[in-house]
C-alpha atoms as a PDB file:
ATOM      1  CA  MET A   1     104.226  79.566 104.444  1.00  0.00           C
ATOM      2  CA  MET A   2     106.515  77.009 106.495  1.00  0.00           C
ATOM      3  CA  LEU A   3     107.663  78.070 109.930  1.00  0.00           C
ATOM      4  CA  ARG A   4     111.549  78.834 110.176  1.00  0.00           C
ATOM      5  CA  GLN A   5     111.858  76.035 112.928  1.00  0.00           C
ATOM      6  CA  GLU A   6     109.984  73.591 110.476  1.00  0.00           C
ATOM      7  CA  ILE A   7     112.175  74.549 107.704  1.00  0.00           C
ATOM      8  CA  SER A   8     115.618  74.112 109.775  1.00  0.00           C
ATOM      9  CA  ASP A   9     114.525  70.858 111.149  1.00  0.00           C
ATOM     10  CA  ALA A  10     113.935  69.358 107.472  1.00  0.00           C
ATOM     11  CA  VAL A  11     117.300  70.692 106.169  1.00  0.00           C
ATOM     12  CA  ASN A  12     119.592  70.008 109.150  1.00  0.00           C
ATOM     13  CA  PRO A  13     119.939  66.221 108.928  1.00  0.00           C
ATOM     14  CA  LEU A  14     120.600  66.695 105.002  1.00  0.00           C
ATOM     15  CA  GLY A  15     123.759  69.253 105.801  1.00  0.00           C
ATOM     16  CA  TRP A  16     121.693  72.256 104.852  1.00  0.00           C
ATOM     17  CA  ARG A  17     121.397  75.224 107.049  1.00  0.00           C
ATOM     18  CA  LEU A  18     118.643  77.967 107.020  1.00  0.00           C
ATOM     19  CA  VAL A  19     120.062  81.655 106.530  1.00  0.00           C
ATOM     20  CA  LEU A  20     117.960  84.754 105.877  1.00  0.00           C
ATOM     21  CA  GLY A  21     115.040  83.232 104.044  1.00  0.00           C
ATOM     22  CA  ALA A  22     117.206  80.764 102.051  1.00  0.00           C
ATOM     23  CA  VAL A  23     118.650  77.188 102.788  1.00  0.00           C
ATOM     24  CA  TYR A  24     122.220  76.770 102.023  1.00  0.00           C
ATOM     25  CA  ALA A  25     124.897  73.780 101.903  1.00  0.00           C
ATOM     26  CA  GLU A  26     128.353  73.372 100.696  1.00  0.00           C
ATOM     27  CA  VAL A  27     129.835  70.460  98.877  1.00  0.00           C
ATOM     28  CA  PRO A  28     133.813  70.186  98.872  1.00  0.00           C
ATOM     29  CA  THR A  29     135.489  69.816  95.594  1.00  0.00           C
ATOM     30  CA  SER A  30     139.135  68.900  94.710  1.00  0.00           C
ATOM     31  CA  GLY A  31     139.288  71.648  91.972  1.00  0.00           C
ATOM     32  CA  LEU A  32     137.438  73.609  89.761  1.00  0.00           C
ATOM     33  CA  GLY A  33     136.932  71.127  87.199  1.00  0.00           C
ATOM     34  CA  THR A  34     135.173  68.809  89.621  1.00  0.00           C
ATOM     35  CA  ALA A  35     133.317  71.449  91.009  1.00  0.00           C
ATOM     36  CA  VAL A  36     131.945  72.335  87.533  1.00  0.00           C
ATOM     37  CA  ALA A  37     130.968  68.910  86.825  1.00  0.00           C
ATOM     38  CA  LEU A  38     129.174  68.421  90.035  1.00  0.00           C
ATOM     39  CA  ALA A  39     127.209  71.737  89.177  1.00  0.00           C
ATOM     40  CA  ALA A  40     126.334  70.558  85.965  1.00  0.00           C
ATOM     41  CA  ALA A  41     125.168  67.035  87.246  1.00  0.00           C
ATOM     42  CA  VAL A  42     123.037  68.705  89.871  1.00  0.00           C
ATOM     43  CA  VAL A  43     121.369  70.981  87.159  1.00  0.00           C
ATOM     44  CA  GLU A  44     120.977  68.164  84.642  1.00  0.00           C
ATOM     45  CA  GLU A  45     119.454  65.794  87.369  1.00  0.00           C
ATOM     46  CA  THR A  46     117.025  68.352  88.910  1.00  0.00           C
ATOM     47  CA  GLY A  47     115.900  69.629  85.523  1.00  0.00           C
ATOM     48  CA  PRO A  48     112.842  72.232  85.325  1.00  0.00           C
ATOM     49  CA  GLU A  49     111.990  71.533  89.194  1.00  0.00           C
ATOM     50  CA  SER A  50     115.038  73.581  90.144  1.00  0.00           C
ATOM     51  CA  GLN A  51     114.333  76.525  87.835  1.00  0.00           C
ATOM     52  CA  GLY A  52     113.599  79.728  89.687  1.00  0.00           C
ATOM     53  CA  SER A  53     114.943  78.023  93.181  1.00  0.00           C
ATOM     54  CA  LEU A  54     118.217  76.934  93.052  1.00  0.00           C
ATOM     55  CA  THR A  55     121.174  79.004  92.458  1.00  0.00           C
ATOM     56  CA  VAL A  56     124.991  77.460  92.509  1.00  0.00           C
ATOM     57  CA  ASP A  57     128.158  79.560  93.492  1.00  0.00           C
ATOM     58  CA  VAL A  58     131.200  77.780  91.561  1.00  0.00           C
ATOM     59  CA  ARG A  59     134.217  77.839  93.384  1.00  0.00           C
ATOM     60  CA  ALA A  60     137.718  75.856  93.001  1.00  0.00           C
ATOM     61  CA  ASP A  61     137.409  74.320  96.357  1.00  0.00           C
ATOM     62  CA  ARG A  62     133.697  74.137  96.783  1.00  0.00           C
ATOM     63  CA  LEU A  63     130.012  74.510  95.466  1.00  0.00           C
ATOM     64  CA  VAL A  64     127.643  76.580  97.596  1.00  0.00           C
ATOM     65  CA  LEU A  65     124.120  75.588  96.703  1.00  0.00           C
ATOM     66  CA  ARG A  66     121.193  77.938  97.711  1.00  0.00           C
ATOM     67  CA  LEU A  67     117.654  77.281  97.605  1.00  0.00           C
ATOM     68  CA  ARG A  68     114.475  79.727  97.937  1.00  0.00           C
ATOM     69  CA  SER A  69     111.350  80.077  95.842  1.00  0.00           C
ATOM     70  CA  ALA A  70     109.758  83.357  95.174  1.00  0.00           C
ATOM     71  CA  GLY A  71     108.224  84.387  98.880  1.00  0.00           C
ATOM     72  CA  GLY A  72     110.346  82.376 100.718  1.00  0.00           C
ATOM     73  CA  VAL A  73     111.178  78.319 101.481  1.00  0.00           C
ATOM     74  CA  THR A  74     108.733  76.097 100.585  1.00  0.00           C
ATOM     75  CA  LYS A  75     108.046  72.133 100.847  1.00  0.00           C
ATOM     76  CA  HIS A  76     109.083  72.348  97.183  1.00  0.00           C
ATOM     77  CA  ASP A  77     112.830  73.333  97.921  1.00  0.00           C
ATOM     78  CA  ILE A  78     113.150  71.184 101.008  1.00  0.00           C
ATOM     79  CA  ALA A  79     112.256  68.147  98.648  1.00  0.00           C
ATOM     80  CA  LEU A  80     114.997  69.663  96.178  1.00  0.00           C
ATOM     81  CA  ALA A  81     117.403  69.712  98.924  1.00  0.00           C
ATOM     82  CA  ARG A  82     116.734  66.094  99.694  1.00  0.00           C
ATOM     83  CA  ARG A  83     117.064  65.097  96.383  1.00  0.00           C
ATOM     84  CA  ILE A  84     120.146  67.057  95.616  1.00  0.00           C
ATOM     85  CA  SER A  85     121.901  65.809  98.742  1.00  0.00           C
ATOM     86  CA  GLU A  86     120.882  61.889  97.641  1.00  0.00           C
ATOM     87  CA  LEU A  87     122.255  62.338  94.064  1.00  0.00           C
ATOM     88  CA  LEU A  88     125.278  63.939  95.505  1.00  0.00           C
ATOM     89  CA  ALA A  89     125.653  61.190  97.763  1.00  0.00           C
ATOM     90  CA  ALA A  90     125.426  58.413  95.281  1.00  0.00           C
ATOM     91  CA  ARG A  91     128.502  60.353  93.715  1.00  0.00           C
ATOM     92  CA  GLY A  92     130.368  60.135  96.845  1.00  0.00           C
ATOM     93  CA  GLU A  93     130.018  63.776  97.740  1.00  0.00           C
ATOM     94  CA  ALA A  94     127.983  65.183 100.837  1.00  0.00           C
ATOM     95  CA  THR A  95     126.241  68.533 101.596  1.00  0.00           C
ATOM     96  CA  ARG A  96     127.627  70.122 104.639  1.00  0.00           C
ATOM     97  CA  PRO A  97     127.147  73.469 106.490  1.00  0.00           C
ATOM     98  CA  GLY A  98     129.619  75.860 105.187  1.00  0.00           C
ATOM     99  CA  ARG A  99     131.915  77.432 107.741  1.00  0.00           C
ATOM    100  CA  VAL A 100     132.338  80.771 106.023  1.00  0.00           C
ATOM    101  CA  SER A 101     130.489  81.120 102.905  1.00  0.00           C
ATOM    102  CA  VAL A 102     127.288  79.956 104.262  1.00  0.00           C
ATOM    103  CA  GLN A 103     126.206  83.377 105.419  1.00  0.00           C
ATOM    104  CA  ALA A 104     124.490  86.419 104.318  1.00  0.00           C
ATOM    105  CA  ILE A 105     125.468  90.207 104.727  1.00  0.00           C
ATOM    106  CA  GLU A 106     122.926  93.010 105.145  1.00  0.00           C
ATOM    107  CA  ILE A 107     123.220  96.773 105.468  1.00  0.00           C
ATOM    108  CA  ALA A 108     120.703  98.045 107.575  1.00  0.00           C
ATOM    109  CA  ILE A 109     119.867 101.868 107.278  1.00  0.00           C
ATOM    110  CA  ASP A 110     117.903 103.697 110.110  1.00  0.00           C
ATOM    111  CA  ALA A 111     115.669 106.494 108.990  1.00  0.00           C
ATOM    112  CA  LEU A 112     112.915 108.490 110.076  1.00  0.00           C
ATOM    113  CA  ASP A 113     111.260 108.861 106.795  1.00  0.00           C
ATOM    114  CA  ILE A 114     112.148 105.731 104.737  1.00  0.00           C
ATOM    115  CA  PRO A 115     110.138 106.366 101.604  1.00  0.00           C
ATOM    116  CA  ALA A 116     112.384 109.723 101.234  1.00  0.00           C
ATOM    117  CA  VAL A 117     115.551 107.899 101.450  1.00  0.00           C
ATOM    118  CA  ARG A 118     114.828 104.848 100.036  1.00  0.00           C
ATOM    119  CA  PRO A 119     114.715 106.026  96.493  1.00  0.00           C
ATOM    120  CA  PHE A 120     118.082 107.368  96.924  1.00  0.00           C
ATOM    121  CA  TRP A 121     119.890 104.137  97.735  1.00  0.00           C
ATOM    122  CA  LYS A 122     117.846 102.151  95.326  1.00  0.00           C
ATOM    123  CA  ALA A 123     119.151 104.394  92.555  1.00  0.00           C
ATOM    124  CA  VAL A 124     123.047 104.817  93.796  1.00  0.00           C
ATOM    125  CA  THR A 125     123.195 100.853  94.190  1.00  0.00           C
ATOM    126  CA  GLY A 126     121.638 100.284  91.239  1.00  0.00           C
ATOM    127  CA  TYR A 127     119.582  97.648  93.226  1.00  0.00           C
ATOM    128  CA  VAL A 128     116.102  96.583  92.640  1.00  0.00           C
ATOM    129  CA  ASP A 129     113.024  95.730  94.905  1.00  0.00           C
ATOM    130  CA  GLU A 130     113.509  92.547  97.111  1.00  0.00           C
ATOM    131  CA  ALA A 131     110.631  90.030  96.007  1.00  0.00           C
ATOM    132  CA  GLY A 132     107.452  89.825  97.646  1.00  0.00           C
ATOM    133  CA  PRO A 133     104.602  92.117  98.674  1.00  0.00           C
ATOM    134  CA  SER A 134     105.046  95.707  97.344  1.00  0.00           C
ATOM    135  CA  ASP A 135     106.111  98.097 100.104  1.00  0.00           C
ATOM    136  CA  VAL A 136     107.427 101.524 100.306  1.00  0.00           C
ATOM    137  CA  SER A 137     109.963 100.359 103.142  1.00  0.00           C
ATOM    138  CA  GLY A 138     110.852  97.081 101.740  1.00  0.00           C
ATOM    139  CA  GLY A 139     114.150  95.652 101.068  1.00  0.00           C
ATOM    140  CA  LEU A 140     116.644  96.171  98.085  1.00  0.00           C
ATOM    141  CA  VAL A 141     118.738  93.429  96.372  1.00  0.00           C
ATOM    142  CA  ASP A 142     121.485  93.342  93.807  1.00  0.00           C
ATOM    143  CA  PRO A 143     119.786  92.148  90.809  1.00  0.00           C
ATOM    144  CA  ALA A 144     123.179  90.393  89.855  1.00  0.00           C
ATOM    145  CA  GLY A 145     123.141  88.541  93.414  1.00  0.00           C
ATOM    146  CA  ARG A 146     126.388  89.457  94.221  1.00  0.00           C
ATOM    147  CA  GLY A 147     126.249  92.294  96.689  1.00  0.00           C
ATOM    148  CA  PRO A 148     124.617  92.510 100.009  1.00  0.00           C
ATOM    149  CA  ALA A 149     121.129  93.084 100.548  1.00  0.00           C
ATOM    150  CA  VAL A 150     119.844  96.580 102.035  1.00  0.00           C
ATOM    151  CA  TRP A 151     117.062  96.942 104.441  1.00  0.00           C
ATOM    152  CA  PHE A 152     115.439 100.267 106.301  1.00  0.00           C
ATOM    153  CA  GLN A 153     114.651 100.014 109.744  1.00  0.00           C
ATOM    154  CA  GLN A 154     112.287 102.752 111.009  1.00  0.00           C
ATOM    155  CA  MET A 155     113.492 105.119 113.524  1.00  0.00           C
ATOM    156  CA  ASP A 156     111.312 107.003 116.065  1.00  0.00           C
ATOM    157  CA  ALA A 157     113.623 109.924 116.916  1.00  0.00           C
ATOM    158  CA  PRO A 158     116.710 111.246 115.706  1.00  0.00           C
ATOM    159  CA  ARG A 159     119.880 109.450 116.853  1.00  0.00           C
ATOM    160  CA  PRO A 160     123.274 111.882 116.362  1.00  0.00           C
ATOM    161  CA  GLN A 161     124.927 110.019 118.919  1.00  0.00           C
ATOM    162  CA  ARG A 162     125.341 106.523 117.407  1.00  0.00           C
ATOM    163  CA  ASN A 163     125.953 105.319 113.593  1.00  0.00           C
ATOM    164  CA  ARG A 164     122.679 104.807 111.756  1.00  0.00           C
ATOM    165  CA  ILE A 165     124.106 102.362 109.085  1.00  0.00           C
ATOM    166  CA  HIS A 166     124.948  98.898 110.747  1.00  0.00           C
ATOM    167  CA  LEU A 167     125.662  95.535 109.327  1.00  0.00           C
ATOM    168  CA  ASP A 168     123.777  92.623 109.861  1.00  0.00           C
ATOM    169  CA  VAL A 169     125.880  89.279 109.626  1.00  0.00           C
ATOM    170  CA  ASP A 170     123.152  86.412 109.212  1.00  0.00           C
ATOM    171  CA  VAL A 171     124.869  82.909 109.938  1.00  0.00           C
ATOM    172  CA  PRO A 172     123.596  79.545 110.363  1.00  0.00           C
ATOM    173  CA  HIS A 173     122.102  79.025 113.958  1.00  0.00           C
ATOM    174  CA  ASP A 174     124.766  76.605 115.321  1.00  0.00           C
ATOM    175  CA  ALA A 175     127.324  78.921 113.677  1.00  0.00           C
ATOM    176  CA  ALA A 176     126.581  81.978 115.948  1.00  0.00           C
ATOM    177  CA  PRO A 177     128.241  81.343 119.296  1.00  0.00           C
ATOM    178  CA  ALA A 178     131.638  80.803 117.566  1.00  0.00           C
ATOM    179  CA  ARG A 179     131.102  83.949 115.563  1.00  0.00           C
ATOM    180  CA  ILE A 180     130.312  86.098 118.429  1.00  0.00           C
ATOM    181  CA  GLU A 181     133.293  84.596 120.342  1.00  0.00           C
ATOM    182  CA  ALA A 182     135.773  85.395 117.791  1.00  0.00           C
ATOM    183  CA  ALA A 183     134.322  89.001 117.550  1.00  0.00           C
ATOM    184  CA  LEU A 184     134.739  89.617 121.234  1.00  0.00           C
ATOM    185  CA  ALA A 185     138.276  88.039 121.384  1.00  0.00           C
ATOM    186  CA  ALA A 186     139.423  90.337 118.546  1.00  0.00           C
ATOM    187  CA  GLY A 187     138.313  93.399 120.755  1.00  0.00           C
ATOM    188  CA  GLY A 188     134.443  93.795 120.128  1.00  0.00           C
ATOM    189  CA  VAL A 189     132.072  94.193 122.980  1.00  0.00           C
ATOM    190  CA  LEU A 190     128.684  92.840 123.300  1.00  0.00           C
ATOM    191  CA  LEU A 191     126.193  95.770 123.633  1.00  0.00           C
ATOM    192  CA  SER A 192     122.816  93.649 123.863  1.00  0.00           C
ATOM    193  CA  ASP A 193     121.981  89.966 124.008  1.00  0.00           C
ATOM    194  CA  ARG A 194     118.172  90.782 124.504  1.00  0.00           C
ATOM    195  CA  GLU A 195     116.931  89.803 121.290  1.00  0.00           C
ATOM    196  CA  ALA A 196     118.994  86.659 121.192  1.00  0.00           C
ATOM    197  CA  PRO A 197     118.948  84.363 119.373  1.00  0.00           C
ATOM    198  CA  ALA A 198     117.259  86.309 116.651  1.00  0.00           C
ATOM    199  CA  PHE A 199     120.435  88.832 116.950  1.00  0.00           C
ATOM    200  CA  TRP A 200     123.298  89.677 119.087  1.00  0.00           C
ATOM    201  CA  VAL A 201     124.219  93.471 119.174  1.00  0.00           C
ATOM    202  CA  LEU A 202     128.189  93.925 118.807  1.00  0.00           C
ATOM    203  CA  ALA A 203     130.359  96.893 118.687  1.00  0.00           C
ATOM    204  CA  ASP A 204     134.190  97.624 117.550  1.00  0.00           C
ATOM    205  CA  ALA A 205     136.419  99.473 120.000  1.00  0.00           C
ATOM    206  CA  GLU A 206     135.085 102.563 118.386  1.00  0.00           C
ATOM    207  CA  GLY A 207     131.164 101.927 118.847  1.00  0.00           C
ATOM    208  CA  ASN A 208     130.475 100.822 115.311  1.00  0.00           C
ATOM    209  CA  GLU A 209     127.949  98.475 115.548  1.00  0.00           C
ATOM    210  CA  VAL A 210     126.822  94.885 113.901  1.00  0.00           C
ATOM    211  CA  CYS A 211     124.464  92.396 114.423  1.00  0.00           C
ATOM    212  CA  VAL A 212     124.993  88.662 114.362  1.00  0.00           C
ATOM    213  CA  CYS A 213     121.680  87.204 113.434  1.00  0.00           C
ATOM    214  CA  THR A 214     120.066  83.643 112.863  1.00  0.00           C
ATOM    215  CA  TRP A 215     116.755  82.499 111.891  1.00  0.00           C
ATOM    216  CA  GLN A 216     115.695  81.419 115.496  1.00  0.00           C
ATOM    217  CA  GLY A 217     113.037  83.345 117.774  1.00  0.00           C
ATOM    218  CA  ARG A 218     111.792  85.017 114.782  1.00  0.00           C
ATOM    219  CA  ASP A 219     108.691  82.620 114.048  1.00  0.00           C
END
């Protein structure tokens, strides 16, 4: 398993960013037709190598590329990121870190008895177990890859005085300071930076919490 620092160091110069266990990049395009053509070219030229690793989100003004093998980012994914960047560069296109779309949202649910509540959330969302080791407290993901992931945080005592569901906003490490600054300027409050740069805990004007997260500080 590659360390997060190792992954980030390998993909940053290519215009990719590590976010929540996957590497992402954007390719700006001039229209939907161009975006579709570029996506088709990437899939055709990488062929079987990209199966099970590459996903492409096609928009009218951009492609959002994501690479992650089962279990996490591998050296194979790093090599694919390099190859994709090279083939796009040969077409006059460039991969770059996205300002908005290269991020991931998670819903964190605090629970005293995770095995008791997890089946409910799995059923009500229609989600499936996150890939990886089987674990009754493991995360849940949208099988269609559209909705935010859900994970469960173990509590050691009841906390009726605060909300027990919060959002995690996972962003590229170099985008976190601007995101936090914008949130504070919009009326937010910094509750804790004790675990930074892994995450900062912020709250809105009524105390509802959110964590701005990066890959850093987790290896």
